[in-house]
Amino acid sequence: MLYQPLEHWSEREFMGCGVEDLREAKSISKMADKLLATPENSFSSSVGNSLRKAAWRIFSKEEVDISYGHYRQSSLRCSSESMVLVHQDTTDLNFGGHLASEGLGDLGGSTGKPILGLCVHSALVTTEAGIPLGLISQKIWAPTVGSKEKKVIPHLPIEEKESYRWLEALQDISHRLKDVSKVIVVSDRESDFYEYIDATRGRNVELLFRVHHLRRRVYANGEKIALGQVSFSSLSEIDVFLPKSKTREARRARLTISWGDIICPPSQRKKGSEHPLSLIIAKEMHPPKDQEAVEWYLLTTQKIVTLQQALLCIEHYKKRWTIERWHYVLKQGLRVEKLQFDTFTSLSNAISLLSIVAWQLYLLKKLAEDYEDISADQVLTKIQLEVLGKQSQKKIRYLQEALIRIAVLGGFTPSKKQPLPGEMTIWKGYKMLSLIVQGYKLANPKKYGTG
């Protein structure tokens, strides 16, 4: 089921985590509930003194696996789907102000001065429509300056490169989603390297990624040429919506689409097999004035023959934005870069916990977008709906309506231009709702007790 009840959500995700005894799992579950209810707060103020001490004790153990139970739950949620998308990406966490923390790496920077932090590579699994079903893999490490030096990287074995995390995640995906009929792993240009294409993966796993190395020489149309020079006779045009990014405002674009087969040989100095791939080219021929033209070169292990198949790959690639928004919730909503733990192990475990809480918060936003007719009581608790009903002075029947009312508590104003809320107003509103629910319980001790 995609929309599981919020009540007891933390028990589902954490009671099966890898800890020494059940009491530690219960403590982690309680931390998750409190973190979900108080986004934007510091970790200590969210969980309180008793759980803060428990966190320091539990998170300091290297053998602890916070995500173990969550991965199992993610796999179970995927089992009812005929196809899922898995979005891989890496993000940097800046802990520059944590000079006393041990085990941090150097994120590098243009000034040459070290920037303390950690790297996090995550694989977030979604339905084909983009509803997040949970994390299926996550690797956290402390980067070194050498691992980011372009002159050093080509001479290192793949196991010593940061890009090896893509291969490790691919192994996790193949193992944990082996019972799903079809899995499409979607990624951006960072995954465009030969070892990724050549890696062993499950028979049900396909790759879809954006090309980074347009100068790579491939076989196409009977000749060996640079990938960026490949052209196909199959052409069509589509209109797409481009969401707002760091370099552009949201706008629509008309793209010319072409597709065909190529063969990708091993890169220079590398041994391996040649791999048949399909290349999809989407180009904006007439961009608006002062706007950079959109140009996507997508490679996939799937056989693309028809326009419909090519367009479906483009739609799947566009869903990659899902993991970027999850990163946004993790960093801005749960303030992961403000964590105050003082060792690599304790920080990593805390990041794992916040990552799963961020998934649950982001899921609420996506449910508000895509589910108009789900009964609200299938997700929200009875007391949450009672409070929302009193706040809006009407009975809340459907989930989308309830989540909009939650976002209103966070400052959202529905309009024709923006009828549905974003992530920030959802988490701000959920925080406010949690405070109101606490007060409501205290005002009705006979009905709800004093706990």
Protein backbone atom coordinates (compact mmCIF):
# COMPACT_ATOMS: atom_id res chain seq x y z
CA MET A 1 0.00 0.00 0.00
CA LEU A 2 1.40 3.41 -0.99
CA TYR A 3 -0.42 5.38 1.69
CA GLN A 4 0.11 3.70 5.03
CA PRO A 5 -1.30 5.22 8.24
CA LEU A 6 0.90 7.78 9.97
CA GLU A 7 -0.03 6.25 13.29
CA HIS A 8 2.73 3.78 14.21
CA TRP A 9 4.72 4.69 11.04
CA SER A 10 7.96 4.85 13.02
CA GLU A 11 7.41 1.37 14.47
CA ARG A 12 7.02 -0.03 10.95
CA GLU A 13 10.23 1.61 9.73
CA PHE A 14 12.51 1.24 12.77
CA MET A 15 11.48 -1.68 14.94
CA GLY A 16 13.39 -3.95 12.56
CA CYS A 17 16.56 -1.84 12.53
CA GLY A 18 19.92 -3.39 13.32
CA VAL A 19 20.47 -2.73 17.04
CA GLU A 20 21.44 -4.82 20.05
CA ASP A 21 18.04 -5.02 21.74
CA LEU A 22 14.42 -4.00 21.39
CA ARG A 23 14.75 -1.06 23.78
CA GLU A 24 17.16 0.69 21.45
CA ALA A 25 14.79 0.18 18.50
CA LYS A 26 11.95 1.66 20.57
CA SER A 27 14.11 4.69 21.40
CA ILE A 28 14.93 5.24 17.72
CA SER A 29 11.23 4.92 16.85
CA LYS A 30 10.35 7.60 19.43
CA MET A 31 13.10 9.88 18.08
CA ALA A 32 11.65 9.55 14.57
CA ASP A 33 8.15 10.51 15.78
CA LYS A 34 9.45 13.60 17.54
CA LEU A 35 11.64 14.64 14.59
CA LEU A 36 8.70 14.30 12.20
CA ALA A 37 6.57 16.48 14.49
CA THR A 38 9.18 19.25 14.89
CA PRO A 39 10.96 19.98 11.59
CA GLU A 40 13.36 22.96 11.57
CA ASN A 41 14.18 22.36 15.27
CA SER A 42 17.59 21.16 16.38
CA PHE A 43 17.95 17.44 17.03
CA SER A 44 18.28 17.95 20.79
CA SER A 45 15.26 20.23 21.14
CA SER A 46 13.16 17.88 19.00
CA VAL A 47 13.84 14.64 20.87
CA GLY A 48 14.32 15.99 24.41
CA ASN A 49 16.99 15.29 27.00
CA SER A 50 16.28 11.61 27.67
CA LEU A 51 16.21 10.56 24.00
CA ARG A 52 19.20 12.82 23.25
CA LYS A 53 21.27 10.80 25.72
CA ALA A 54 19.95 7.56 24.19
CA ALA A 55 20.94 8.82 20.73
CA TRP A 56 24.51 9.57 21.81
CA ARG A 57 24.79 6.08 23.27
CA ILE A 58 23.17 4.17 20.38
CA PHE A 59 24.63 6.17 17.50
CA SER A 60 28.21 5.77 18.76
CA LYS A 61 28.12 2.02 17.98
CA GLU A 62 29.62 1.09 14.60
CA GLU A 63 27.55 -2.10 14.37
CA VAL A 64 24.23 -0.20 14.48
CA ASP A 65 22.26 -0.25 11.20
CA ILE A 66 19.51 2.37 11.44
CA SER A 67 18.17 1.75 7.93
CA TYR A 68 17.95 -2.05 7.92
CA GLY A 69 14.27 -2.29 8.81
CA HIS A 70 13.36 0.62 6.55
CA TYR A 71 14.97 -1.07 3.53
CA ARG A 72 12.82 -4.14 4.18
CA GLN A 73 9.69 -2.00 4.38
CA SER A 74 10.64 -0.20 1.15
CA SER A 75 11.03 -3.59 -0.55
CA LEU A 76 7.60 -4.66 0.70
CA ARG A 77 5.99 -1.47 -0.60
CA CYS A 78 7.60 -2.11 -3.99
CA SER A 79 6.32 -5.69 -4.15
CA SER A 80 2.83 -4.55 -5.18
CA GLU A 81 4.22 -2.52 -8.11
CA SER A 82 4.84 -3.95 -11.59
CA MET A 83 7.48 -1.27 -12.22
CA VAL A 84 9.42 1.10 -9.96
CA LEU A 85 11.93 3.86 -10.57
CA VAL A 86 15.05 4.17 -8.41
CA HIS A 87 16.71 7.57 -8.35
CA GLN A 88 20.40 7.64 -7.43
CA ASP A 89 22.27 10.81 -6.48
CA THR A 90 25.08 12.13 -4.26
CA THR A 91 24.91 15.23 -2.10
CA ASP A 92 27.49 16.98 0.09
CA LEU A 93 26.73 17.83 3.72
CA ASN A 94 28.66 20.84 4.95
CA PHE A 95 29.74 20.58 8.59
CA GLY A 96 32.20 23.46 8.30
CA GLY A 97 31.42 24.79 11.76
CA HIS A 98 32.03 21.44 13.48
CA LEU A 99 35.77 21.79 14.08
CA ALA A 100 35.70 19.41 17.06
CA SER A 101 34.00 16.57 15.17
CA GLU A 102 36.21 13.59 14.32
CA GLY A 103 36.21 11.77 11.00
CA LEU A 104 34.94 14.53 8.73
CA GLY A 105 36.32 14.79 5.21
CA ASP A 106 37.24 17.70 2.97
CA LEU A 107 34.54 18.68 0.49
CA GLY A 108 37.01 20.93 -1.33
CA GLY A 109 36.26 24.41 -2.60
CA SER A 110 37.37 27.19 -4.90
CA THR A 111 39.36 28.97 -2.16
CA GLY A 112 41.66 26.01 -1.50
CA LYS A 113 40.72 26.00 2.17
CA PRO A 114 39.29 22.72 3.54
CA ILE A 115 35.52 22.53 3.92
CA LEU A 116 34.65 19.92 6.54
CA GLY A 117 31.80 17.61 5.64
CA LEU A 118 30.49 14.24 4.51
CA CYS A 119 29.19 12.84 1.23
CA VAL A 120 25.90 10.94 1.08
CA HIS A 121 24.91 8.74 -1.86
CA SER A 122 21.28 7.64 -1.73
CA ALA A 123 18.90 5.56 -3.83
CA LEU A 124 15.26 6.61 -3.45
CA VAL A 125 12.64 4.29 -4.94
CA THR A 126 9.35 5.66 -6.32
CA THR A 127 6.34 4.46 -8.24
CA GLU A 128 6.28 5.21 -11.95
CA ALA A 129 4.12 8.24 -11.07
CA GLY A 130 6.77 9.52 -8.64
CA ILE A 131 5.32 8.58 -5.23
CA PRO A 132 8.33 7.88 -2.94
CA LEU A 133 8.26 4.37 -1.48
CA GLY A 134 11.41 4.78 0.64
CA LEU A 135 15.17 4.53 0.51
CA ILE A 136 16.67 1.30 -0.80
CA SER A 137 20.38 2.13 -0.36
CA GLN A 138 22.56 4.79 1.26
CA LYS A 139 26.34 5.20 1.57
CA ILE A 140 27.98 7.86 3.75
CA TRP A 141 31.70 8.64 3.64
CA ALA A 142 34.30 11.28 4.42
CA PRO A 143 35.81 12.55 1.14
CA THR A 144 39.50 13.37 0.75
CA VAL A 145 41.07 16.04 -1.44
CA GLY A 146 42.78 13.32 -3.49
CA SER A 147 39.46 11.66 -4.32
CA LYS A 148 38.34 14.88 -5.99
CA GLU A 149 41.58 15.64 -7.88
CA LYS A 150 41.00 15.19 -11.63
CA LYS A 151 44.65 14.31 -12.26
CA VAL A 152 44.58 11.53 -9.67
CA ILE A 153 41.19 9.93 -10.39
CA PRO A 154 41.95 8.18 -13.75
CA HIS A 155 44.82 6.18 -12.23
CA LEU A 156 42.86 4.83 -9.24
CA PRO A 157 41.12 1.45 -9.30
CA ILE A 158 37.33 1.83 -9.38
CA GLU A 159 37.01 0.54 -5.78
CA GLU A 160 39.01 3.58 -4.55
CA LYS A 161 36.99 6.16 -6.47
CA GLU A 162 33.94 7.93 -5.10
CA SER A 163 32.07 6.73 -8.19
CA TYR A 164 32.23 3.19 -6.75
CA ARG A 165 29.23 4.17 -4.60
CA TRP A 166 27.11 4.02 -7.75
CA LEU A 167 28.10 0.39 -8.23
CA GLU A 168 27.50 -0.47 -4.57
CA ALA A 169 24.03 1.06 -4.75
CA LEU A 170 23.33 -0.88 -7.95
CA GLN A 171 24.16 -4.10 -6.08
CA ASP A 172 21.81 -3.12 -3.23
CA ILE A 173 19.03 -2.31 -5.70
CA SER A 174 19.44 -5.62 -7.52
CA HIS A 175 19.37 -7.57 -4.24
CA ARG A 176 16.58 -5.73 -2.41
CA LEU A 177 14.26 -5.34 -5.40
CA LYS A 178 14.80 -8.75 -6.98
CA ASP A 179 11.09 -9.59 -6.67
CA VAL A 180 9.88 -6.53 -8.61
CA SER A 181 9.11 -7.26 -12.27
CA LYS A 182 10.91 -4.20 -13.64
CA VAL A 183 13.26 -1.71 -12.00
CA ILE A 184 14.56 1.34 -13.87
CA VAL A 185 17.51 3.07 -12.20
CA VAL A 186 17.42 6.77 -13.13
CA SER A 187 20.45 9.00 -12.63
CA ASP A 188 22.14 12.18 -13.80
CA ARG A 189 25.48 12.74 -15.54
CA GLU A 190 27.61 11.60 -12.60
CA SER A 191 26.74 7.99 -13.43
CA ASP A 192 28.04 8.25 -17.00
CA PHE A 193 31.15 6.06 -16.74
CA TYR A 194 31.95 2.70 -18.32
CA GLU A 195 32.11 0.62 -15.11
CA TYR A 196 28.51 1.62 -14.32
CA ILE A 197 27.29 0.40 -17.70
CA ASP A 198 29.40 -2.78 -17.39
CA ALA A 199 28.40 -3.57 -13.79
CA THR A 200 26.57 -6.79 -12.94
CA ARG A 201 22.92 -6.12 -12.13
CA GLY A 202 19.70 -8.07 -11.74
CA ARG A 203 17.90 -9.22 -14.88
CA ASN A 204 14.94 -7.05 -13.91
CA VAL A 205 17.12 -3.91 -13.58
CA GLU A 206 17.52 -1.40 -16.42
CA LEU A 207 19.62 1.80 -16.48
CA LEU A 208 18.57 5.26 -17.65
CA PHE A 209 21.02 8.14 -17.30
CA ARG A 210 22.03 11.44 -18.82
CA VAL A 211 25.21 11.57 -20.88
CA HIS A 212 28.15 13.57 -19.54
CA HIS A 213 30.93 12.54 -21.93
CA LEU A 214 29.71 13.64 -25.35
CA ARG A 215 33.20 13.09 -26.77
CA ARG A 216 33.10 9.36 -25.92
CA ARG A 217 33.45 7.39 -29.14
CA VAL A 218 30.70 4.89 -29.83
CA TYR A 219 29.48 2.82 -32.77
CA ALA A 220 26.39 4.29 -34.45
CA ASN A 221 25.00 4.06 -37.97
CA GLY A 222 27.88 1.82 -39.01
CA GLU A 223 30.74 4.09 -37.91
CA LYS A 224 32.69 4.98 -34.77
CA ILE A 225 32.10 8.63 -33.89
CA ALA A 226 31.82 10.93 -30.89
CA LEU A 227 28.54 10.40 -29.07
CA GLY A 228 27.69 14.11 -29.38
CA GLN A 229 27.85 13.81 -33.19
CA VAL A 230 25.37 10.92 -33.44
CA SER A 231 22.16 11.70 -35.29
CA PHE A 232 19.11 9.61 -36.19
CA SER A 233 16.44 9.92 -38.85
CA SER A 234 13.58 9.21 -36.46
CA LEU A 235 12.28 12.63 -35.38
CA SER A 236 9.31 14.03 -33.47
CA GLU A 237 8.46 17.10 -31.38
CA ILE A 238 6.95 17.42 -27.91
CA ASP A 239 6.14 20.21 -25.46
CA VAL A 240 7.50 19.76 -21.93
CA PHE A 241 7.30 21.72 -18.70
CA LEU A 242 10.70 22.58 -17.17
CA PRO A 243 10.57 23.14 -13.38
CA LYS A 244 12.43 26.00 -11.80
CA SER A 245 16.14 25.34 -11.19
CA LYS A 246 19.19 27.23 -9.97
CA THR A 247 19.88 28.50 -13.50
CA ARG A 248 16.37 29.12 -14.90
CA GLU A 249 12.79 30.01 -14.07
CA ALA A 250 10.05 27.47 -14.69
CA ARG A 251 8.96 27.49 -18.34
CA ARG A 252 7.71 25.35 -21.19
CA ALA A 253 9.97 24.15 -24.00
CA ARG A 254 9.42 22.53 -27.39
CA LEU A 255 11.87 19.67 -27.88
CA THR A 256 12.84 17.77 -31.01
CA ILE A 257 13.16 14.07 -30.19
CA SER A 258 15.27 11.47 -31.99
CA TRP A 259 16.33 7.98 -30.95
CA GLY A 260 18.25 4.94 -32.10
CA ASP A 261 20.78 2.22 -31.26
CA ILE A 262 24.45 2.59 -30.40
CA ILE A 263 27.17 0.27 -29.13
CA CYS A 264 29.33 1.48 -26.25
CA PRO A 265 32.86 0.01 -26.16
CA PRO A 266 35.15 0.18 -23.10
CA SER A 267 36.78 3.55 -22.45
CA GLN A 268 40.49 4.05 -23.04
CA ARG A 269 42.80 1.90 -20.86
CA LYS A 270 39.81 -0.17 -19.70
CA LYS A 271 38.92 -3.77 -20.42
CA GLY A 272 35.42 -5.10 -20.80
CA SER A 273 32.58 -5.91 -23.14
CA GLU A 274 30.85 -3.77 -25.71
CA HIS A 275 27.30 -2.89 -24.63
CA PRO A 276 24.31 -2.24 -26.90
CA LEU A 277 22.39 0.82 -25.67
CA SER A 278 19.61 3.06 -26.90
CA LEU A 279 20.31 6.78 -27.23
CA ILE A 280 17.51 9.36 -26.93
CA ILE A 281 18.28 12.93 -27.97
CA ALA A 282 15.98 15.78 -26.89
CA LYS A 283 16.96 19.25 -28.15
CA GLU A 284 15.32 22.66 -27.94
CA MET A 285 15.91 24.16 -31.38
CA HIS A 286 14.45 27.62 -30.67
CA PRO A 287 14.93 28.63 -27.02
CA PRO A 288 13.61 31.96 -25.67
CA LYS A 289 15.93 34.93 -25.95
CA ASP A 290 18.65 34.98 -23.26
CA GLN A 291 17.75 31.39 -22.26
CA GLU A 292 20.08 28.42 -22.60
CA ALA A 293 18.67 25.76 -24.91
CA VAL A 294 17.65 22.45 -23.34
CA GLU A 295 19.72 19.54 -24.64
CA TRP A 296 19.37 16.07 -23.19
CA TYR A 297 21.31 13.03 -24.33
CA LEU A 298 19.89 10.02 -22.50
CA LEU A 299 21.32 6.50 -22.58
CA THR A 300 19.36 3.43 -21.54
CA THR A 301 19.86 -0.31 -21.49
CA GLN A 302 16.24 -0.66 -22.65
CA LYS A 303 15.56 -1.30 -26.33
CA ILE A 304 13.86 1.82 -27.72
CA VAL A 305 12.02 1.31 -30.99
CA THR A 306 8.99 3.60 -30.96
CA LEU A 307 8.31 7.25 -30.19
CA GLN A 308 6.12 6.19 -27.24
CA GLN A 309 9.02 4.27 -25.70
CA ALA A 310 11.36 7.25 -26.16
CA LEU A 311 8.83 9.64 -24.61
CA LEU A 312 8.33 7.27 -21.66
CA CYS A 313 12.10 7.32 -21.00
CA ILE A 314 12.02 11.12 -21.01
CA GLU A 315 9.12 11.08 -18.55
CA HIS A 316 11.02 8.68 -16.30
CA TYR A 317 14.12 10.87 -16.44
CA LYS A 318 12.07 13.95 -15.50
CA LYS A 319 11.03 12.10 -12.32
CA ARG A 320 14.70 12.31 -11.23
CA TRP A 321 13.76 15.68 -9.72
CA THR A 322 12.15 13.64 -6.91
CA ILE A 323 15.47 12.95 -5.21
CA GLU A 324 16.48 16.61 -5.44
CA ARG A 325 13.34 17.60 -3.57
CA TRP A 326 13.98 14.90 -0.98
CA HIS A 327 17.46 16.38 -0.48
CA TYR A 328 15.77 19.76 0.00
CA VAL A 329 13.53 18.38 2.78
CA LEU A 330 16.52 16.68 4.43
CA LYS A 331 18.67 19.82 4.42
CA GLN A 332 16.15 22.64 4.88
CA GLY A 333 13.30 20.92 6.68
CA LEU A 334 15.25 18.66 9.02
CA ARG A 335 18.43 20.78 9.14
CA VAL A 336 20.72 17.77 8.75
CA GLU A 337 23.78 20.01 8.43
CA LYS A 338 23.13 21.38 11.95
CA LEU A 339 23.65 18.01 13.66
CA GLN A 340 26.07 18.27 16.59
CA PHE A 341 27.40 14.71 16.94
CA ASP A 342 31.16 14.56 17.32
CA THR A 343 32.27 11.39 15.50
CA PHE A 344 31.84 9.99 12.01
CA THR A 345 29.91 6.98 13.30
CA SER A 346 27.42 8.94 15.39
CA LEU A 347 26.92 11.53 12.63
CA SER A 348 26.34 8.81 10.02
CA ASN A 349 23.71 7.10 12.15
CA ALA A 350 21.95 10.40 12.81
CA ILE A 351 21.97 11.19 9.07
CA SER A 352 20.43 7.79 8.36
CA LEU A 353 17.63 8.48 10.82
CA LEU A 354 16.91 11.96 9.45
CA SER A 355 16.97 10.60 5.89
CA ILE A 356 14.06 8.27 6.63
CA VAL A 357 12.11 11.01 8.45
CA ALA A 358 12.69 13.26 5.41
CA TRP A 359 11.19 10.54 3.20
CA GLN A 360 8.04 10.45 5.35
CA LEU A 361 7.68 14.25 5.24
CA TYR A 362 8.23 14.33 1.48
CA LEU A 363 5.71 11.53 1.02
CA LEU A 364 3.00 13.75 2.56
CA LYS A 365 3.69 16.42 -0.05
CA LYS A 366 3.51 13.93 -2.94
CA LEU A 367 0.28 12.42 -1.61
CA ALA A 368 -1.23 15.91 -1.54
CA GLU A 369 -0.37 16.25 -5.24
CA ASP A 370 -1.52 12.93 -6.60
CA TYR A 371 -4.34 11.52 -4.44
CA GLU A 372 -7.63 13.40 -4.46
CA ASP A 373 -9.99 10.58 -3.56
CA ILE A 374 -8.22 8.73 -0.74
CA SER A 375 -10.07 8.90 2.55
CA ALA A 376 -8.12 11.08 4.97
CA ASP A 377 -8.47 8.57 7.81
CA GLN A 378 -6.39 6.05 5.85
CA VAL A 379 -3.29 8.17 6.56
CA LEU A 380 -3.92 10.74 9.29
CA THR A 381 -4.87 9.90 12.87
CA LYS A 382 -8.31 10.43 14.35
CA ILE A 383 -7.17 13.29 16.58
CA GLN A 384 -5.31 15.03 13.73
CA LEU A 385 -8.50 15.00 11.63
CA GLU A 386 -10.57 16.18 14.60
CA VAL A 387 -8.25 19.16 15.09
CA LEU A 388 -8.20 19.97 11.37
CA GLY A 389 -11.98 19.78 11.27
CA LYS A 390 -12.32 22.27 14.13
CA GLN A 391 -9.69 24.53 12.57
CA SER A 392 -11.47 24.61 9.19
CA GLN A 393 -14.97 24.38 10.71
CA LYS A 394 -15.93 21.46 8.48
CA LYS A 395 -15.44 17.72 8.37
CA ILE A 396 -12.30 16.69 6.47
CA ARG A 397 -13.10 13.70 4.25
CA TYR A 398 -10.26 13.35 1.73
CA LEU A 399 -6.49 13.20 2.15
CA GLN A 400 -5.65 15.95 -0.34
CA GLU A 401 -8.06 18.31 1.42
CA ALA A 402 -6.52 17.43 4.80
CA LEU A 403 -2.95 17.99 3.59
CA ILE A 404 -3.93 21.34 2.09
CA ARG A 405 -5.39 22.33 5.46
CA ILE A 406 -2.13 21.27 7.11
CA ALA A 407 -0.19 23.44 4.65
CA VAL A 408 -2.49 26.37 5.42
CA LEU A 409 -1.32 26.09 9.03
CA GLY A 410 2.21 26.51 7.61
CA GLY A 411 1.35 29.68 5.69
CA PHE A 412 0.04 28.26 2.40
CA THR A 413 -2.69 30.15 0.54
CA PRO A 414 -4.34 28.09 -2.21
CA SER A 415 -4.83 29.91 -5.52
CA LYS A 416 -5.58 29.13 -9.17
CA LYS A 417 -1.89 29.56 -9.97
CA GLN A 418 -0.76 27.35 -7.06
CA PRO A 419 -3.62 25.10 -5.88
CA LEU A 420 -1.33 22.60 -4.14
CA PRO A 421 1.30 23.20 -1.43
CA GLY A 422 5.07 22.75 -1.61
CA GLU A 423 7.35 20.90 0.77
CA MET A 424 8.05 23.85 3.08
CA THR A 425 4.44 24.72 3.89
CA ILE A 426 3.71 21.00 4.43
CA TRP A 427 6.47 20.59 7.02
CA LYS A 428 5.74 23.94 8.70
CA GLY A 429 2.06 23.08 8.83
CA TYR A 430 2.68 19.59 10.18
CA LYS A 431 4.83 21.08 12.92
CA MET A 432 2.03 23.47 13.84
CA LEU A 433 -0.56 20.68 13.74
CA SER A 434 1.56 18.59 16.11
CA LEU A 435 1.70 21.46 18.61
CA ILE A 436 -2.06 22.00 18.37
CA VAL A 437 -2.70 18.29 18.87
CA GLN A 438 -0.57 18.35 22.04
CA GLY A 439 -2.62 21.25 23.41
CA TYR A 440 -5.86 19.60 22.35
CA LYS A 441 -4.96 16.44 24.28
CA LEU A 442 -4.16 18.47 27.39
CA ALA A 443 -7.49 20.28 27.08
CA ASN A 444 -9.36 16.96 26.84
CA PRO A 445 -7.67 14.69 29.41
CA LYS A 446 -10.77 12.52 29.92
CA LYS A 447 -10.87 11.64 26.23
CA TYR A 448 -7.14 11.47 25.42
CA GLY A 449 -5.39 11.13 28.77
CA THR A 450 -2.42 13.29 29.76
CA GLY A 451 0.33 11.45 27.80
